[in-house]
Amino acid sequence: MSNYVIGETVKTLREERGMTQVQLAERLGVSDKTVSKWETCKGLPDITLLEPLAKALGVSVAELFSGNIIVNRNVSSNMLRSKLYVCPVCGNVIHTTGECVVTCCGIELPTLEAEDCDLMHGISMESVEDEFFVTMDHPMTKGHYISFIAHVTTDSFELAKLYPEGNAERRFKMRTPGYLYAYCNKHGLFRMKVSRKYQKNNV
C-alpha cells in the first residue's frame, strides 16, 4: 500500500481526544515509546494494530489512513444531502446519506459533484399514471454510456442501474419534489430539479 498511517495524524487525533502517549499505549498494549516512534515517523504501527488504533482514536481505519476526519452532520438523514461515489475499477455505485470516507478496490473514492444538465446530458420526463418516465438521448455504447439514473427527495432515494447497449430510460414513482441524477461514465454526474409545478402539471 503506497499510503500508510502518518505519525502526525496519530498525534493530532490523540491530542484532540485529550489522551497522553501513555494512555494510548495502555489501550493498545504497547509502550509509550512505541507510540512516540509512530508520531515522530521513526516507526509504523503493525498492521494488526490498525483496527485497535482506529477504535482507540475514535475513527475508521479509512480515516486513519487518509488523515481526513469526516463528521456526518446530516443527522436527520435528509436524502437531498445524499453523497454518491463510483469506483473507477469495478464500477461499484455507492450511496451514503452524508459525509464519510468511502473506499473500494483499495482506492479512496471522491464524492461525485453534480453539474446542471447540458445539451448532451439532458433529461426528459413524461407522466404515465402515477409514475414519470425518464429518458435521455445519450449514447449507450460500451465506451460511453449512462451508468445510472436516480430520483432523490427529502425522504427517498431510488437508483436505477443502467448498462451499455441498453436504453437510457427508467420509470419512477411520483413523489414530492426533488432531483433527478444521471451519471455518465465519461463526463460525470448531472442533475435536474423536479419541481412541484412539474408534478402538478403532469400528474
N, C-alpha and C. Protein backbone atom coordinates (compact mmCIF):
# COMPACT_ATOMS: atom_id res chain seq x y z
N MET A 1 0.84 -1.18 0.00
CA MET A 1 0.00 0.00 0.00
C MET A 1 0.88 1.24 0.00
N SER A 2 0.64 2.21 -0.92
CA SER A 2 1.51 3.36 -1.04
C SER A 2 1.35 4.33 0.13
N ASN A 3 0.14 4.40 0.71
CA ASN A 3 -0.10 5.27 1.85
C ASN A 3 -0.31 4.43 3.10
N TYR A 4 0.36 4.85 4.18
CA TYR A 4 0.18 4.15 5.44
C TYR A 4 -0.21 5.19 6.48
N VAL A 5 -0.28 4.79 7.72
CA VAL A 5 -0.66 5.72 8.77
C VAL A 5 0.44 6.75 8.98
N ILE A 6 0.07 8.03 8.96
CA ILE A 6 1.03 9.12 9.16
C ILE A 6 1.08 9.49 10.63
N GLY A 7 2.31 9.63 11.12
CA GLY A 7 2.51 9.93 12.54
C GLY A 7 1.77 11.17 13.00
N GLU A 8 1.75 12.20 12.16
CA GLU A 8 1.09 13.45 12.53
C GLU A 8 -0.41 13.24 12.73
N THR A 9 -0.99 12.31 11.96
CA THR A 9 -2.42 12.01 12.11
C THR A 9 -2.68 11.39 13.48
N VAL A 10 -1.83 10.43 13.87
CA VAL A 10 -1.98 9.77 15.18
C VAL A 10 -1.86 10.81 16.29
N LYS A 11 -0.86 11.67 16.19
CA LYS A 11 -0.63 12.68 17.23
C LYS A 11 -1.81 13.64 17.33
N THR A 12 -2.29 14.13 16.19
CA THR A 12 -3.40 15.09 16.18
C THR A 12 -4.66 14.48 16.79
N LEU A 13 -4.99 13.25 16.37
CA LEU A 13 -6.19 12.59 16.90
C LEU A 13 -6.06 12.32 18.39
N ARG A 14 -4.88 11.90 18.80
CA ARG A 14 -4.66 11.61 20.23
C ARG A 14 -4.85 12.87 21.07
N GLU A 15 -4.26 13.97 20.61
CA GLU A 15 -4.35 15.22 21.37
C GLU A 15 -5.77 15.78 21.37
N GLU A 16 -6.49 15.62 20.25
CA GLU A 16 -7.88 16.08 20.20
C GLU A 16 -8.75 15.36 21.20
N ARG A 17 -8.39 14.13 21.52
CA ARG A 17 -9.17 13.34 22.48
C ARG A 17 -8.62 13.43 23.89
N GLY A 18 -7.64 14.30 24.08
CA GLY A 18 -7.10 14.55 25.42
C GLY A 18 -6.34 13.38 26.01
N MET A 19 -5.78 12.53 25.15
CA MET A 19 -5.03 11.37 25.62
C MET A 19 -3.53 11.64 25.59
N THR A 20 -2.84 11.08 26.57
CA THR A 20 -1.38 11.14 26.54
C THR A 20 -0.87 9.93 25.75
N GLN A 21 0.41 9.96 25.43
CA GLN A 21 1.00 8.81 24.74
C GLN A 21 0.92 7.56 25.62
N VAL A 22 1.05 7.75 26.92
CA VAL A 22 0.98 6.62 27.86
C VAL A 22 -0.42 6.00 27.84
N GLN A 23 -1.45 6.85 27.87
CA GLN A 23 -2.84 6.35 27.87
C GLN A 23 -3.16 5.60 26.58
N LEU A 24 -2.73 6.14 25.44
CA LEU A 24 -2.97 5.45 24.17
C LEU A 24 -2.22 4.13 24.15
N ALA A 25 -0.99 4.14 24.62
CA ALA A 25 -0.18 2.92 24.64
C ALA A 25 -0.84 1.84 25.49
N GLU A 26 -1.41 2.23 26.63
CA GLU A 26 -2.06 1.27 27.51
C GLU A 26 -3.28 0.63 26.84
N ARG A 27 -4.01 1.40 26.07
CA ARG A 27 -5.18 0.87 25.36
C ARG A 27 -4.78 -0.16 24.31
N LEU A 28 -3.59 0.02 23.75
CA LEU A 28 -3.15 -0.85 22.67
C LEU A 28 -2.22 -1.96 23.13
N GLY A 29 -1.80 -1.91 24.37
CA GLY A 29 -0.89 -2.94 24.87
C GLY A 29 0.53 -2.79 24.35
N VAL A 30 0.94 -1.54 24.09
CA VAL A 30 2.30 -1.28 23.65
C VAL A 30 2.92 -0.26 24.60
N SER A 31 4.18 0.05 24.40
CA SER A 31 4.83 1.03 25.27
C SER A 31 4.62 2.44 24.74
N ASP A 32 4.76 3.43 25.64
CA ASP A 32 4.61 4.81 25.21
C ASP A 32 5.73 5.21 24.25
N LYS A 33 6.89 4.54 24.36
CA LYS A 33 8.00 4.80 23.42
C LYS A 33 7.60 4.38 22.00
N THR A 34 6.80 3.32 21.91
CA THR A 34 6.34 2.86 20.60
C THR A 34 5.43 3.90 19.97
N VAL A 35 4.51 4.44 20.78
CA VAL A 35 3.61 5.48 20.27
C VAL A 35 4.41 6.71 19.85
N SER A 36 5.43 7.05 20.64
CA SER A 36 6.29 8.19 20.32
C SER A 36 6.99 7.98 18.98
N LYS A 37 7.43 6.77 18.72
CA LYS A 37 8.10 6.46 17.45
C LYS A 37 7.14 6.64 16.27
N TRP A 38 5.87 6.22 16.48
CA TRP A 38 4.89 6.40 15.41
C TRP A 38 4.72 7.87 15.09
N GLU A 39 4.56 8.67 16.16
CA GLU A 39 4.24 10.09 15.98
C GLU A 39 5.42 10.89 15.43
N THR A 40 6.63 10.41 15.62
CA THR A 40 7.81 11.12 15.08
C THR A 40 8.32 10.46 13.80
N CYS A 41 7.50 9.54 13.26
CA CYS A 41 7.80 8.87 11.98
C CYS A 41 9.11 8.06 12.05
N LYS A 42 9.41 7.53 13.23
CA LYS A 42 10.57 6.66 13.39
C LYS A 42 10.17 5.19 13.42
N GLY A 43 8.87 4.97 13.23
CA GLY A 43 8.33 3.62 13.20
C GLY A 43 6.89 3.67 12.73
N LEU A 44 6.36 2.51 12.38
CA LEU A 44 4.98 2.42 11.90
C LEU A 44 4.20 1.39 12.71
N PRO A 45 2.91 1.63 12.94
CA PRO A 45 2.09 0.64 13.65
C PRO A 45 2.03 -0.67 12.87
N ASP A 46 2.11 -1.77 13.58
CA ASP A 46 1.96 -3.07 12.93
C ASP A 46 0.54 -3.16 12.38
N ILE A 47 0.39 -3.89 11.27
CA ILE A 47 -0.91 -3.97 10.61
C ILE A 47 -1.99 -4.55 11.53
N THR A 48 -1.58 -5.40 12.49
CA THR A 48 -2.55 -5.98 13.42
C THR A 48 -3.09 -4.96 14.41
N LEU A 49 -2.43 -3.81 14.51
CA LEU A 49 -2.84 -2.77 15.46
C LEU A 49 -3.72 -1.70 14.82
N LEU A 50 -3.93 -1.77 13.51
CA LEU A 50 -4.65 -0.71 12.83
C LEU A 50 -6.09 -0.56 13.32
N GLU A 51 -6.81 -1.66 13.42
CA GLU A 51 -8.19 -1.57 13.89
C GLU A 51 -8.27 -1.11 15.35
N PRO A 52 -7.47 -1.70 16.26
CA PRO A 52 -7.49 -1.22 17.65
C PRO A 52 -7.07 0.24 17.77
N LEU A 53 -6.09 0.67 16.95
CA LEU A 53 -5.63 2.06 16.98
C LEU A 53 -6.74 3.00 16.51
N ALA A 54 -7.41 2.64 15.42
CA ALA A 54 -8.51 3.46 14.92
C ALA A 54 -9.63 3.56 15.95
N LYS A 55 -9.96 2.44 16.58
CA LYS A 55 -11.01 2.42 17.60
C LYS A 55 -10.64 3.29 18.78
N ALA A 56 -9.39 3.20 19.22
CA ALA A 56 -8.93 3.99 20.36
C ALA A 56 -8.98 5.49 20.05
N LEU A 57 -8.77 5.84 18.80
CA LEU A 57 -8.77 7.25 18.40
C LEU A 57 -10.14 7.73 17.93
N GLY A 58 -11.11 6.80 17.88
CA GLY A 58 -12.48 7.17 17.55
C GLY A 58 -12.71 7.46 16.09
N VAL A 59 -11.97 6.79 15.20
CA VAL A 59 -12.14 7.00 13.76
C VAL A 59 -12.20 5.64 13.06
N SER A 60 -12.50 5.66 11.77
CA SER A 60 -12.46 4.43 10.99
C SER A 60 -11.03 4.19 10.51
N VAL A 61 -10.75 2.97 10.09
CA VAL A 61 -9.42 2.67 9.55
C VAL A 61 -9.16 3.51 8.30
N ALA A 62 -10.19 3.70 7.48
CA ALA A 62 -10.03 4.52 6.27
C ALA A 62 -9.65 5.95 6.62
N GLU A 63 -10.27 6.51 7.66
CA GLU A 63 -9.94 7.87 8.10
C GLU A 63 -8.52 7.92 8.65
N LEU A 64 -8.13 6.87 9.35
CA LEU A 64 -6.77 6.80 9.89
C LEU A 64 -5.75 6.81 8.77
N PHE A 65 -6.03 6.10 7.69
CA PHE A 65 -5.12 6.07 6.55
C PHE A 65 -5.07 7.42 5.84
N SER A 66 -6.23 7.99 5.61
CA SER A 66 -6.29 9.20 4.78
C SER A 66 -5.91 10.46 5.54
N GLY A 67 -6.12 10.43 6.85
CA GLY A 67 -5.88 11.64 7.63
C GLY A 67 -7.02 12.63 7.55
N ASN A 68 -8.07 12.27 6.80
CA ASN A 68 -9.25 13.14 6.66
C ASN A 68 -10.34 12.66 7.60
N ILE A 69 -10.64 13.44 8.60
CA ILE A 69 -11.64 13.06 9.58
C ILE A 69 -12.98 13.64 9.15
N ILE A 70 -13.95 12.76 8.95
CA ILE A 70 -15.25 13.16 8.43
C ILE A 70 -16.29 13.20 9.54
N VAL A 71 -17.06 14.28 9.57
CA VAL A 71 -18.16 14.38 10.52
C VAL A 71 -19.45 14.47 9.72
N ASN A 72 -20.32 13.49 9.90
CA ASN A 72 -21.59 13.49 9.18
C ASN A 72 -22.59 14.35 9.96
N ARG A 73 -22.90 15.53 9.42
CA ARG A 73 -23.83 16.45 10.09
C ARG A 73 -25.27 16.25 9.63
N ASN A 74 -25.50 15.28 8.77
CA ASN A 74 -26.85 15.04 8.29
C ASN A 74 -27.56 14.06 9.22
N VAL A 75 -27.74 14.49 10.48
CA VAL A 75 -28.30 13.59 11.49
C VAL A 75 -29.76 13.25 11.21
N SER A 76 -30.45 14.11 10.45
CA SER A 76 -31.85 13.85 10.14
C SER A 76 -32.01 12.94 8.93
N SER A 77 -30.88 12.56 8.31
CA SER A 77 -30.87 11.69 7.13
C SER A 77 -31.73 12.26 6.00
N ASN A 78 -31.63 13.56 5.78
CA ASN A 78 -32.30 14.19 4.64
C ASN A 78 -31.67 13.65 3.37
N MET A 79 -32.44 12.93 2.56
CA MET A 79 -31.90 12.28 1.37
C MET A 79 -31.37 13.27 0.33
N LEU A 80 -31.83 14.53 0.40
CA LEU A 80 -31.33 15.51 -0.54
C LEU A 80 -29.86 15.84 -0.29
N ARG A 81 -29.35 15.45 0.87
CA ARG A 81 -27.94 15.64 1.19
C ARG A 81 -27.12 14.39 0.89
N SER A 82 -27.70 13.49 0.13
CA SER A 82 -27.01 12.25 -0.21
C SER A 82 -25.70 12.51 -0.95
N LYS A 83 -24.77 11.58 -0.78
CA LYS A 83 -23.50 11.62 -1.50
C LYS A 83 -23.41 10.36 -2.37
N LEU A 84 -22.82 10.52 -3.54
CA LEU A 84 -22.67 9.39 -4.47
C LEU A 84 -21.20 9.20 -4.83
N TYR A 85 -20.83 7.93 -4.98
CA TYR A 85 -19.46 7.56 -5.31
C TYR A 85 -19.50 6.46 -6.37
N VAL A 86 -18.54 6.49 -7.29
CA VAL A 86 -18.42 5.44 -8.29
C VAL A 86 -16.98 4.97 -8.33
N CYS A 87 -16.77 3.66 -8.19
CA CYS A 87 -15.43 3.11 -8.23
C CYS A 87 -14.96 3.02 -9.69
N PRO A 88 -13.79 3.60 -10.01
CA PRO A 88 -13.31 3.56 -11.39
C PRO A 88 -12.78 2.19 -11.81
N VAL A 89 -12.57 1.31 -10.82
CA VAL A 89 -12.03 -0.02 -11.11
C VAL A 89 -13.14 -1.01 -11.43
N CYS A 90 -14.11 -1.13 -10.52
CA CYS A 90 -15.16 -2.14 -10.70
C CYS A 90 -16.52 -1.56 -11.09
N GLY A 91 -16.65 -0.23 -11.05
CA GLY A 91 -17.91 0.40 -11.41
C GLY A 91 -18.95 0.38 -10.30
N ASN A 92 -18.57 -0.05 -9.11
CA ASN A 92 -19.49 -0.09 -7.98
C ASN A 92 -20.06 1.30 -7.70
N VAL A 93 -21.38 1.39 -7.51
CA VAL A 93 -22.03 2.66 -7.19
C VAL A 93 -22.40 2.64 -5.71
N ILE A 94 -21.96 3.66 -4.98
CA ILE A 94 -22.18 3.70 -3.54
C ILE A 94 -22.93 4.96 -3.17
N HIS A 95 -23.97 4.80 -2.36
CA HIS A 95 -24.79 5.92 -1.90
C HIS A 95 -24.70 6.04 -0.39
N THR A 96 -24.46 7.26 0.11
CA THR A 96 -24.48 7.49 1.55
C THR A 96 -25.40 8.67 1.83
N THR A 97 -25.88 8.76 3.07
CA THR A 97 -26.78 9.86 3.42
C THR A 97 -26.03 11.06 3.97
N GLY A 98 -24.71 11.02 3.96
CA GLY A 98 -23.92 12.15 4.45
C GLY A 98 -22.44 11.92 4.23
N GLU A 99 -21.64 12.79 4.85
CA GLU A 99 -20.20 12.73 4.69
C GLU A 99 -19.64 11.45 5.30
N CYS A 100 -18.68 10.84 4.60
CA CYS A 100 -17.99 9.67 5.12
C CYS A 100 -16.76 9.41 4.25
N VAL A 101 -15.94 8.47 4.68
CA VAL A 101 -14.81 8.04 3.87
C VAL A 101 -15.21 6.73 3.21
N VAL A 102 -15.16 6.69 1.89
CA VAL A 102 -15.57 5.51 1.14
C VAL A 102 -14.38 4.97 0.35
N THR A 103 -14.12 3.69 0.50
CA THR A 103 -13.06 3.06 -0.28
C THR A 103 -13.63 1.85 -1.02
N CYS A 104 -13.07 1.57 -2.19
CA CYS A 104 -13.46 0.40 -2.97
C CYS A 104 -12.26 -0.01 -3.81
N CYS A 105 -11.99 -1.30 -3.88
CA CYS A 105 -10.86 -1.83 -4.64
C CYS A 105 -9.54 -1.18 -4.21
N GLY A 106 -9.45 -0.86 -2.91
CA GLY A 106 -8.23 -0.28 -2.38
C GLY A 106 -8.04 1.19 -2.66
N ILE A 107 -9.08 1.86 -3.20
CA ILE A 107 -8.99 3.28 -3.56
C ILE A 107 -9.97 4.09 -2.72
N GLU A 108 -9.51 5.24 -2.20
CA GLU A 108 -10.43 6.15 -1.54
C GLU A 108 -11.17 6.93 -2.62
N LEU A 109 -12.49 6.87 -2.59
CA LEU A 109 -13.30 7.47 -3.66
C LEU A 109 -13.68 8.91 -3.33
N PRO A 110 -13.57 9.81 -4.31
CA PRO A 110 -14.03 11.18 -4.09
C PRO A 110 -15.54 11.26 -4.23
N THR A 111 -16.15 12.21 -3.54
CA THR A 111 -17.58 12.45 -3.69
C THR A 111 -17.86 13.00 -5.08
N LEU A 112 -18.86 12.47 -5.76
CA LEU A 112 -19.22 12.99 -7.08
C LEU A 112 -19.87 14.36 -6.92
N GLU A 113 -19.42 15.31 -7.71
CA GLU A 113 -20.01 16.65 -7.71
C GLU A 113 -20.91 16.78 -8.94
N ALA A 114 -22.17 17.10 -8.70
CA ALA A 114 -23.15 17.15 -9.79
C ALA A 114 -23.13 18.50 -10.50
N GLU A 115 -23.22 18.46 -11.81
CA GLU A 115 -23.37 19.66 -12.63
C GLU A 115 -24.79 19.70 -13.17
N ASP A 116 -25.23 20.90 -13.53
CA ASP A 116 -26.55 21.01 -14.15
C ASP A 116 -26.54 20.35 -15.52
N CYS A 117 -27.65 19.78 -15.90
CA CYS A 117 -27.74 19.09 -17.19
C CYS A 117 -27.40 20.03 -18.34
N ASP A 118 -26.67 19.50 -19.34
CA ASP A 118 -26.36 20.27 -20.54
C ASP A 118 -27.06 19.63 -21.73
N LEU A 119 -26.72 20.09 -22.93
CA LEU A 119 -27.39 19.58 -24.12
C LEU A 119 -27.16 18.09 -24.32
N MET A 120 -25.93 17.62 -24.05
CA MET A 120 -25.63 16.20 -24.24
C MET A 120 -26.26 15.34 -23.15
N HIS A 121 -26.44 15.91 -21.97
CA HIS A 121 -26.92 15.12 -20.83
C HIS A 121 -28.28 15.62 -20.35
N GLY A 122 -29.12 16.03 -21.28
CA GLY A 122 -30.46 16.49 -20.94
C GLY A 122 -31.36 15.33 -20.55
N ILE A 123 -32.29 15.59 -19.63
CA ILE A 123 -33.22 14.57 -19.16
C ILE A 123 -34.64 14.98 -19.55
N SER A 124 -35.39 14.05 -20.14
CA SER A 124 -36.78 14.30 -20.50
C SER A 124 -37.69 13.49 -19.59
N MET A 125 -38.84 14.08 -19.21
CA MET A 125 -39.79 13.39 -18.34
C MET A 125 -41.18 13.44 -18.94
N GLU A 126 -41.91 12.35 -18.77
CA GLU A 126 -43.30 12.26 -19.24
C GLU A 126 -44.11 11.52 -18.19
N SER A 127 -45.24 12.07 -17.79
CA SER A 127 -46.05 11.41 -16.76
C SER A 127 -46.81 10.24 -17.36
N VAL A 128 -46.82 9.13 -16.62
CA VAL A 128 -47.54 7.92 -17.01
C VAL A 128 -48.25 7.40 -15.76
N GLU A 129 -49.56 7.70 -15.65
CA GLU A 129 -50.35 7.33 -14.47
C GLU A 129 -49.71 7.92 -13.22
N ASP A 130 -49.30 7.08 -12.25
CA ASP A 130 -48.71 7.60 -11.02
C ASP A 130 -47.19 7.57 -11.06
N GLU A 131 -46.63 7.50 -12.26
CA GLU A 131 -45.18 7.46 -12.43
C GLU A 131 -44.76 8.54 -13.42
N PHE A 132 -43.45 8.79 -13.47
CA PHE A 132 -42.95 9.59 -14.57
C PHE A 132 -41.85 8.83 -15.27
N PHE A 133 -41.89 8.90 -16.58
CA PHE A 133 -40.99 8.15 -17.44
C PHE A 133 -39.82 9.06 -17.81
N VAL A 134 -38.61 8.63 -17.44
CA VAL A 134 -37.41 9.42 -17.65
C VAL A 134 -36.62 8.83 -18.81
N THR A 135 -36.25 9.68 -19.76
CA THR A 135 -35.44 9.22 -20.88
C THR A 135 -34.29 10.20 -21.12
N MET A 136 -33.22 9.67 -21.73
CA MET A 136 -32.08 10.51 -22.10
C MET A 136 -31.63 10.13 -23.50
N ASP A 137 -31.43 11.13 -24.33
CA ASP A 137 -30.91 10.90 -25.68
C ASP A 137 -29.39 10.91 -25.57
N HIS A 138 -28.84 9.77 -25.22
CA HIS A 138 -27.42 9.67 -24.90
C HIS A 138 -26.86 8.35 -25.43
N PRO A 139 -25.62 8.33 -25.90
CA PRO A 139 -25.02 7.05 -26.34
C PRO A 139 -25.04 6.02 -25.23
N MET A 140 -25.22 4.76 -25.59
CA MET A 140 -25.19 3.66 -24.63
C MET A 140 -24.26 2.58 -25.17
N THR A 141 -23.06 3.00 -25.59
CA THR A 141 -22.07 2.05 -26.08
C THR A 141 -21.21 1.56 -24.92
N LYS A 142 -20.35 0.59 -25.18
CA LYS A 142 -19.50 0.06 -24.12
C LYS A 142 -18.48 1.08 -23.62
N GLY A 143 -18.17 2.05 -24.47
CA GLY A 143 -17.19 3.05 -24.08
C GLY A 143 -17.77 4.34 -23.56
N HIS A 144 -19.06 4.56 -23.81
CA HIS A 144 -19.70 5.83 -23.42
C HIS A 144 -21.17 5.57 -23.15
N TYR A 145 -21.56 5.67 -21.88
CA TYR A 145 -22.93 5.32 -21.53
C TYR A 145 -23.35 5.99 -20.21
N ILE A 146 -24.65 5.96 -19.95
CA ILE A 146 -25.20 6.40 -18.67
C ILE A 146 -25.19 5.20 -17.73
N SER A 147 -24.49 5.34 -16.63
CA SER A 147 -24.34 4.23 -15.68
C SER A 147 -25.56 4.07 -14.76
N PHE A 148 -26.15 5.19 -14.37
CA PHE A 148 -27.36 5.10 -13.53
C PHE A 148 -28.15 6.39 -13.61
N ILE A 149 -29.43 6.26 -13.30
CA ILE A 149 -30.33 7.40 -13.12
C ILE A 149 -30.92 7.26 -11.72
N ALA A 150 -30.98 8.35 -10.97
CA ALA A 150 -31.52 8.28 -9.61
C ALA A 150 -32.51 9.42 -9.37
N HIS A 151 -33.56 9.12 -8.60
CA HIS A 151 -34.54 10.14 -8.19
C HIS A 151 -34.43 10.30 -6.68
N VAL A 152 -34.19 11.54 -6.24
CA VAL A 152 -33.95 11.80 -4.83
C VAL A 152 -34.91 12.86 -4.32
N THR A 153 -35.57 12.58 -3.19
CA THR A 153 -36.40 13.56 -2.49
C THR A 153 -35.91 13.65 -1.05
N THR A 154 -36.59 14.42 -0.22
CA THR A 154 -36.14 14.56 1.16
C THR A 154 -36.15 13.25 1.93
N ASP A 155 -37.08 12.34 1.57
CA ASP A 155 -37.20 11.10 2.34
C ASP A 155 -37.08 9.83 1.51
N SER A 156 -36.62 9.95 0.26
CA SER A 156 -36.48 8.74 -0.55
C SER A 156 -35.31 8.86 -1.52
N PHE A 157 -34.75 7.71 -1.84
CA PHE A 157 -33.65 7.64 -2.80
C PHE A 157 -33.86 6.38 -3.62
N GLU A 158 -34.08 6.57 -4.93
CA GLU A 158 -34.31 5.43 -5.82
C GLU A 158 -33.31 5.49 -6.96
N LEU A 159 -32.51 4.44 -7.10
CA LEU A 159 -31.47 4.41 -8.13
C LEU A 159 -31.72 3.27 -9.09
N ALA A 160 -31.66 3.56 -10.39
CA ALA A 160 -31.81 2.55 -11.43
C ALA A 160 -30.47 2.37 -12.14
N LYS A 161 -29.91 1.18 -12.03
CA LYS A 161 -28.63 0.89 -12.68
C LYS A 161 -28.87 0.59 -14.16
N LEU A 162 -28.07 1.23 -15.01
CA LEU A 162 -28.19 1.01 -16.45
C LEU A 162 -26.91 0.38 -16.98
N TYR A 163 -27.01 -0.19 -18.19
CA TYR A 163 -25.87 -0.92 -18.75
C TYR A 163 -25.69 -0.58 -20.23
N PRO A 164 -24.45 -0.67 -20.73
CA PRO A 164 -24.19 -0.41 -22.15
C PRO A 164 -25.08 -1.27 -23.04
N GLU A 165 -25.45 -0.70 -24.18
CA GLU A 165 -26.28 -1.35 -25.19
C GLU A 165 -27.74 -1.50 -24.75
N GLY A 166 -28.06 -0.93 -23.58
CA GLY A 166 -29.46 -0.88 -23.17
C GLY A 166 -30.02 0.49 -23.52
N ASN A 167 -31.11 0.87 -22.87
CA ASN A 167 -31.70 2.18 -23.11
C ASN A 167 -31.50 3.08 -21.89
N ALA A 168 -31.24 4.35 -22.13
CA ALA A 168 -31.08 5.30 -21.03
C ALA A 168 -32.47 5.81 -20.64
N GLU A 169 -33.21 4.97 -19.93
CA GLU A 169 -34.58 5.31 -19.54
C GLU A 169 -34.98 4.52 -18.31
N ARG A 170 -35.95 5.07 -17.56
CA ARG A 170 -36.45 4.39 -16.37
C ARG A 170 -37.71 5.08 -15.87
N ARG A 171 -38.60 4.31 -15.25
CA ARG A 171 -39.79 4.87 -14.63
C ARG A 171 -39.56 5.03 -13.13
N PHE A 172 -40.09 6.14 -12.58
CA PHE A 172 -40.01 6.38 -11.15
C PHE A 172 -41.40 6.75 -10.63
N LYS A 173 -41.67 6.41 -9.39
CA LYS A 173 -42.93 6.76 -8.76
C LYS A 173 -42.99 8.27 -8.53
N MET A 174 -44.16 8.84 -8.71
CA MET A 174 -44.36 10.25 -8.40
C MET A 174 -44.26 10.44 -6.89
N ARG A 175 -43.36 11.31 -6.48
CA ARG A 175 -43.22 11.62 -5.06
C ARG A 175 -43.13 13.13 -4.90
N THR A 176 -42.66 13.58 -3.74
CA THR A 176 -42.50 15.01 -3.51
C THR A 176 -41.39 15.55 -4.39
N PRO A 177 -41.30 16.87 -4.57
CA PRO A 177 -40.25 17.45 -5.41
C PRO A 177 -38.86 17.03 -4.95
N GLY A 178 -37.94 17.00 -5.89
CA GLY A 178 -36.57 16.61 -5.58
C GLY A 178 -35.66 16.82 -6.77
N TYR A 179 -34.79 15.85 -7.01
CA TYR A 179 -33.83 15.95 -8.11
C TYR A 179 -33.72 14.62 -8.84
N LEU A 180 -33.43 14.72 -10.12
CA LEU A 180 -33.04 13.56 -10.92
C LEU A 180 -31.55 13.66 -11.18
N TYR A 181 -30.84 12.55 -10.97
CA TYR A 181 -29.40 12.49 -11.23
C TYR A 181 -29.13 11.48 -12.33
N ALA A 182 -28.13 11.76 -13.14
CA ALA A 182 -27.68 10.82 -14.17
C ALA A 182 -26.16 10.84 -14.19
N TYR A 183 -25.57 9.64 -14.25
CA TYR A 183 -24.11 9.56 -14.24
C TYR A 183 -23.59 9.03 -15.57
N CYS A 184 -22.80 9.85 -16.25
CA CYS A 184 -22.15 9.47 -17.50
C CYS A 184 -20.75 8.98 -17.18
N ASN A 185 -20.37 7.83 -17.72
CA ASN A 185 -19.07 7.26 -17.37
C ASN A 185 -17.90 8.10 -17.88
N LYS A 186 -18.16 9.02 -18.82
CA LYS A 186 -17.10 9.88 -19.34
C LYS A 186 -17.12 11.29 -18.76
N HIS A 187 -18.31 11.80 -18.48
CA HIS A 187 -18.43 13.21 -18.11
C HIS A 187 -18.91 13.46 -16.69
N GLY A 188 -19.20 12.40 -15.96
CA GLY A 188 -19.55 12.57 -14.56
C GLY A 188 -21.04 12.68 -14.27
N LEU A 189 -21.35 13.32 -13.13
CA LEU A 189 -22.70 13.36 -12.59
C LEU A 189 -23.43 14.65 -13.00
N PHE A 190 -24.69 14.47 -13.44
CA PHE A 190 -25.53 15.60 -13.83
C PHE A 190 -26.85 15.51 -13.07
N ARG A 191 -27.47 16.68 -12.86
CA ARG A 191 -28.75 16.65 -12.14
C ARG A 191 -29.73 17.67 -12.71
N MET A 192 -31.02 17.40 -12.46
CA MET A 192 -32.09 18.29 -12.88
C MET A 192 -33.14 18.33 -11.78
N LYS A 193 -33.61 19.51 -11.47
CA LYS A 193 -34.62 19.65 -10.42
C LYS A 193 -35.98 19.20 -10.90
N VAL A 194 -36.68 18.46 -10.05
CA VAL A 194 -38.07 18.07 -10.31
C VAL A 194 -38.93 18.91 -9.39
N SER A 195 -39.63 19.88 -9.94
CA SER A 195 -40.37 20.83 -9.12
C SER A 195 -41.80 20.38 -8.86
N ARG A 196 -42.40 21.01 -7.87
CA ARG A 196 -43.81 20.74 -7.57
C ARG A 196 -44.69 21.17 -8.74
N LYS A 197 -44.27 22.24 -9.42
CA LYS A 197 -45.02 22.73 -10.57
C LYS A 197 -45.07 21.68 -11.65
N TYR A 198 -43.94 21.02 -11.91
CA TYR A 198 -43.92 19.98 -12.94
C TYR A 198 -44.86 18.85 -12.58
N GLN A 199 -44.83 18.46 -11.31
CA GLN A 199 -45.66 17.33 -10.89
C GLN A 199 -47.14 17.67 -10.99
N LYS A 200 -47.52 18.89 -10.58
CA LYS A 200 -48.92 19.28 -10.65
C LYS A 200 -49.42 19.33 -12.08
N ASN A 201 -48.55 19.78 -12.96
CA ASN A 201 -48.95 19.92 -14.35
C ASN A 201 -49.00 18.59 -15.11
N ASN A 202 -48.34 17.57 -14.55
CA ASN A 202 -48.21 16.35 -15.29
C ASN A 202 -48.85 15.13 -14.62
N VAL A 203 -49.37 15.28 -13.43
CA VAL A 203 -49.99 14.14 -12.77
C VAL A 203 -51.41 13.97 -13.30
